[in-house]
Protein backbone atom coordinates (compact mmCIF):
# COMPACT_ATOMS: atom_id res chain seq x y z
CA MET A 1 -88.43 -65.04 -28.91
CA ALA A 2 -87.69 -66.04 -25.32
CA VAL A 3 -84.03 -66.67 -26.18
CA ASP A 4 -83.74 -63.29 -27.92
CA GLU A 5 -85.34 -61.51 -24.96
CA GLU A 6 -83.00 -63.16 -22.49
CA SER A 7 -80.00 -62.29 -24.64
CA LEU A 8 -81.10 -58.66 -25.00
CA GLN A 9 -81.50 -58.26 -21.25
CA SER A 10 -77.86 -59.30 -20.77
CA MET A 11 -76.58 -56.75 -23.29
CA ASP A 12 -75.16 -53.43 -22.21
CA PRO A 13 -75.00 -50.45 -24.60
CA ILE A 14 -71.77 -49.99 -26.51
CA GLU A 15 -70.12 -46.74 -27.56
CA THR A 16 -67.56 -46.04 -30.27
CA THR A 17 -64.51 -43.84 -29.91
CA LYS A 18 -66.43 -41.16 -31.82
CA GLY A 19 -69.09 -41.04 -29.10
CA THR A 20 -71.89 -42.79 -31.00
CA THR A 21 -73.88 -45.34 -29.02
CA ASN A 22 -76.51 -47.99 -29.65
CA VAL A 23 -78.39 -47.36 -26.42
CA GLN A 24 -81.48 -46.02 -28.18
CA SER A 25 -81.74 -48.83 -30.74
CA LEU A 26 -81.06 -51.44 -28.05
CA ASN A 27 -83.74 -50.06 -25.73
CA THR A 28 -86.20 -49.74 -28.62
CA LEU A 29 -85.64 -53.37 -29.58
CA LYS A 30 -86.13 -54.47 -25.97
CA ASP A 31 -89.39 -52.51 -25.76
CA ASN A 32 -90.60 -53.97 -29.04
CA TYR A 33 -89.93 -57.48 -27.79
CA LYS A 34 -91.83 -56.76 -24.57
CA ALA A 35 -94.80 -55.41 -26.53
CA LEU A 36 -94.73 -58.41 -28.84
CA LYS A 37 -94.66 -60.79 -25.89
CA ILE A 38 -97.73 -59.10 -24.39
CA GLU A 39 -99.63 -59.51 -27.66
CA TRP A 40 -98.48 -63.13 -27.95
CA ASP A 41 -99.79 -63.82 -24.47
CA LYS A 42 -103.18 -62.29 -25.35
CA LYS A 43 -103.46 -64.44 -28.46
CA LYS A 44 -102.32 -67.52 -26.55
CA ASN A 45 -104.92 -66.94 -23.84
CA GLY A 46 -107.64 -66.46 -26.45
CA ILE A 47 -106.73 -69.72 -28.18
CA ALA A 48 -106.56 -71.50 -24.82
CA GLU A 49 -110.09 -70.26 -24.03
CA GLU A 50 -111.35 -71.69 -27.33
CA LEU A 51 -109.73 -75.03 -26.54
CA GLN A 52 -111.23 -75.02 -23.05
CA LYS A 53 -114.64 -74.16 -24.50
CA VAL A 54 -114.53 -77.23 -26.75
CA LYS A 55 -113.17 -79.40 -23.95
CA ASN A 56 -115.97 -78.41 -21.55
CA VAL A 57 -118.83 -78.46 -24.06
CA LYS A 58 -122.11 -79.57 -22.47
CA GLY A 59 -124.33 -82.15 -24.12
CA VAL A 60 -121.93 -84.88 -25.22
CA ARG A 61 -122.50 -86.96 -22.09
CA SER A 62 -126.23 -86.41 -22.44
CA LEU A 63 -126.04 -87.69 -26.00
CA PHE A 64 -124.29 -90.86 -24.81
CA LEU A 65 -126.93 -91.24 -22.10
CA TYR A 66 -129.76 -90.99 -24.60
CA ILE A 67 -128.09 -93.45 -26.98
CA SER A 68 -127.58 -95.90 -24.09
CA LEU A 69 -131.25 -95.69 -23.14
CA PHE A 70 -132.21 -96.11 -26.78
CA CYS A 71 -130.09 -99.25 -27.16
CA LEU A 72 -131.63 -100.88 -24.08
CA THR A 73 -135.18 -100.05 -25.18
CA ASP A 74 -134.50 -101.07 -28.77
CA LEU A 75 -133.25 -104.50 -27.62
CA PHE A 76 -136.40 -104.84 -25.53
CA ASN A 77 -138.55 -103.91 -28.53
CA ILE A 78 -136.82 -106.41 -30.83
CA ALA A 79 -137.21 -109.19 -28.27
CA THR A 80 -140.85 -108.30 -27.64
CA VAL A 81 -141.70 -108.25 -31.34
CA GLN A 82 -140.05 -111.63 -31.82
CA TRP A 83 -141.89 -113.08 -28.83
CA LEU A 84 -145.37 -111.58 -29.18
CA SER A 85 -145.40 -110.66 -32.86
CA THR A 86 -148.52 -108.52 -32.48
CA GLY A 87 -149.46 -105.39 -34.38
CA PHE A 88 -149.27 -103.10 -31.37
CA TRP A 89 -145.68 -103.95 -30.42
CA ILE A 90 -144.54 -103.83 -34.03
CA HIS A 91 -146.11 -100.40 -34.42
CA TYR A 92 -144.60 -99.26 -31.13
CA ALA A 93 -141.11 -100.46 -32.09
CA ILE A 94 -141.26 -98.60 -35.40
CA TRP A 95 -142.72 -95.44 -33.86
CA PHE A 96 -140.06 -95.51 -31.17
CA SER A 97 -137.27 -95.80 -33.74
CA LEU A 98 -138.67 -92.99 -35.86
CA LEU A 99 -139.18 -90.61 -32.93
CA SER A 100 -135.86 -91.46 -31.27
CA VAL A 101 -133.89 -89.51 -33.85
CA ILE A 102 -135.43 -86.20 -32.75
CA ALA A 103 -133.64 -85.82 -29.40
CA PRO A 104 -130.16 -86.69 -30.79
CA ILE A 105 -130.65 -84.11 -33.53
CA ILE A 106 -131.54 -81.47 -30.94
CA LEU A 107 -128.61 -82.49 -28.73
CA THR A 108 -126.28 -82.30 -31.72
CA CYS A 109 -127.40 -78.73 -32.40
CA TYR A 110 -126.95 -77.82 -28.73
CA ILE A 111 -123.41 -79.22 -28.76
CA LEU A 112 -122.39 -77.53 -32.00
CA ARG A 113 -123.79 -74.18 -30.87
CA PHE A 114 -122.57 -74.52 -27.24
CA THR A 115 -126.13 -73.77 -26.10
CA TRP A 116 -125.73 -75.45 -22.72
CA LYS A 117 -122.44 -73.82 -21.72
CA ASN A 118 -124.09 -72.17 -18.69
CA LYS A 119 -126.25 -75.14 -17.67
CA SER A 120 -125.32 -77.69 -15.03
CA GLU A 121 -124.70 -81.33 -15.88
CA VAL A 122 -127.72 -82.29 -13.78
CA SER A 123 -129.98 -80.04 -15.86
CA CYS A 124 -128.60 -81.56 -19.06
CA TYR A 125 -129.22 -85.10 -17.80
CA THR A 126 -132.72 -84.13 -16.65
CA TRP A 127 -133.59 -82.74 -20.08
CA THR A 128 -132.28 -85.91 -21.73
CA SER A 129 -134.19 -88.24 -19.41
CA ILE A 130 -137.43 -86.32 -19.87
CA SER A 131 -136.96 -86.31 -23.64
CA PHE A 132 -136.45 -90.06 -23.66
CA ALA A 133 -139.52 -90.60 -21.46
CA PHE A 134 -141.62 -88.45 -23.80
CA THR A 135 -140.35 -90.45 -26.76
CA VAL A 136 -141.47 -93.70 -25.16
CA ILE A 137 -144.85 -92.35 -24.06
CA ILE A 138 -145.68 -90.73 -27.40
CA SER A 139 -144.59 -93.90 -29.21
CA LEU A 140 -146.96 -95.98 -27.06
CA ILE A 141 -149.84 -93.56 -27.69
CA LEU A 142 -149.29 -93.45 -31.46
CA ALA A 143 -148.89 -97.23 -31.59
CA GLY A 144 -152.17 -97.69 -29.70
CA VAL A 145 -154.03 -95.26 -31.93
CA ASN A 146 -152.55 -96.75 -35.08
CA SER A 147 -153.08 -100.43 -34.25
CA LEU A 148 -156.19 -100.45 -32.06
CA TRP A 149 -158.37 -97.63 -33.31
CA TYR A 150 -157.38 -96.10 -36.60
CA ASN A 151 -154.81 -97.63 -38.92
CA TRP A 152 -153.64 -94.36 -40.48
CA VAL A 153 -150.06 -95.54 -41.15
CA ASP A 154 -149.44 -98.79 -42.99
CA PHE A 155 -146.34 -100.24 -41.36
CA ASN A 156 -146.39 -103.18 -43.75
CA GLU A 157 -144.68 -100.95 -46.29
CA PRO A 158 -141.02 -101.96 -46.83
CA PHE A 159 -139.95 -98.37 -46.15
CA PHE A 160 -140.76 -98.65 -42.45
CA SER A 161 -139.02 -101.99 -41.93
CA VAL A 162 -135.91 -100.70 -43.73
CA THR A 163 -135.98 -97.47 -41.70
CA PHE A 164 -136.40 -99.41 -38.46
CA PHE A 165 -133.43 -101.62 -39.35
CA PHE A 166 -131.30 -98.63 -40.42
CA ILE A 167 -131.96 -96.63 -37.23
CA SER A 168 -131.38 -99.65 -34.99
CA LEU A 169 -128.08 -100.27 -36.76
CA ILE A 170 -126.74 -96.71 -36.91
CA MET A 171 -127.99 -95.11 -33.70
CA PRO A 172 -125.73 -97.08 -31.27
CA PHE A 173 -122.63 -95.75 -33.03
CA TYR A 174 -123.83 -92.18 -33.55
CA ALA A 175 -122.52 -90.67 -30.30
CA CYS A 176 -119.02 -92.13 -30.78
CA VAL A 177 -118.78 -91.11 -34.43
CA PHE A 178 -120.12 -87.62 -33.74
CA SER A 179 -117.68 -87.13 -30.84
CA ILE A 180 -114.71 -88.08 -33.02
CA PHE A 181 -115.71 -85.71 -35.81
CA PHE A 182 -116.54 -82.97 -33.30
CA VAL A 183 -113.08 -83.13 -31.73
CA LEU A 184 -111.20 -83.42 -35.04
CA GLY A 185 -113.28 -80.69 -36.66
CA ASN A 186 -112.78 -78.23 -33.83
CA GLU A 187 -109.08 -79.06 -33.66
CA LEU A 188 -108.73 -78.22 -37.35
CA LEU A 189 -110.76 -75.01 -36.98
CA ILE A 190 -108.77 -73.82 -33.97
CA LYS A 191 -105.45 -74.55 -35.69
CA ARG A 192 -106.50 -72.58 -38.76
CA SER A 193 -107.81 -69.74 -36.61
CA ALA A 194 -104.61 -69.66 -34.54
CA ASN A 195 -102.47 -69.63 -37.69
CA ARG A 196 -104.51 -66.76 -39.12
CA GLN A 197 -104.58 -64.73 -35.91
CA THR A 198 -100.85 -65.03 -35.24
CA LYS A 199 -99.59 -64.40 -38.78
CA GLU A 200 -98.95 -60.71 -38.16
CA LEU A 201 -97.22 -61.45 -34.85
CA ARG A 202 -95.02 -64.09 -36.44
CA ASP A 203 -94.01 -61.64 -39.17
CA ARG A 204 -93.14 -59.01 -36.56
CA GLN A 205 -91.20 -61.58 -34.56
CA LYS A 206 -89.20 -62.45 -37.66
CA GLN A 207 -88.37 -58.77 -38.25
CA LEU A 208 -87.30 -58.28 -34.63
CA HIS A 209 -85.17 -61.40 -34.79
CA GLU A 210 -83.37 -60.02 -37.85
CA GLN A 211 -82.71 -56.79 -35.95
CA LYS A 212 -81.40 -58.85 -33.05
CA ILE A 213 -79.02 -60.63 -35.40
CA ASP A 214 -77.71 -57.27 -36.65
CA ILE A 215 -77.04 -56.17 -33.07
CA ASP A 216 -75.29 -59.46 -32.34
CA LYS A 217 -73.03 -58.87 -35.34
CA SER A 218 -72.10 -55.42 -34.06
CA TYR A 219 -71.29 -56.81 -30.62
CA ASN A 220 -69.20 -59.59 -32.18
CA MET A 221 -67.22 -57.03 -34.13
CA PHE A 222 -66.44 -55.11 -30.94
CA SER A 223 -65.56 -58.25 -29.04
CA ASN A 224 -63.11 -59.14 -31.82
CA ASP A 225 -61.38 -55.75 -31.33
CA SER A 226 -62.50 -54.52 -34.73
CA THR A 227 -61.18 -51.08 -35.67
CA ASP A 228 -64.09 -50.41 -38.00
CA THR A 229 -66.01 -47.47 -36.46
CA SER A 230 -68.39 -46.98 -39.41
CA LEU A 231 -71.20 -48.80 -37.60
CA THR A 232 -74.55 -47.05 -37.59
CA PHE A 233 -76.25 -46.65 -34.24
CA GLY A 234 -79.71 -45.31 -33.51
């Protein structure tokens, strides 16, 4: 399109010996190219905004922060259980693992819905830190209640040990895996959206290019001193 526009700007109207001229069709084609370029720029800017929105999404760093804190605490819990091997610390480790999935789920929803787009990074980190602190505190309270006062959850069931192992194994990789799928998924969505939004413009560009080719042919005929004056001008 840029090449066609540049070529059109360098063209001067031509006139046959019969007085017919292509000035109207040439100017109309130039105007159509200008209008098409304006619409292309609008679409391009809209797509660029979508890309920038994905690039600047808030919450991904907070998710990595939470996962990092989880990994450190989980290592501490595993070491403590191996060293002390008491009911309280076992209950706390399992409660902590079970409750630790809540904040990443919330953060995932915030990222996918761009909920924090107007929040500062400091606010995001503060929310994450407070959420992690609440997870630890609530886990300690539930572990104390469950092991010292009222044994209302039997952690000797295989389900809890398997769940504890599964969360400890999967959680450290969650932020990385989610980030990869988030980027690839949004890239695919934006490409499909861009292809759909620009289809009409690409069709119009193709039509204008064909008209440009017809004008080039007419100019070539005149430059070759053609005596055929049956050309049709607008």
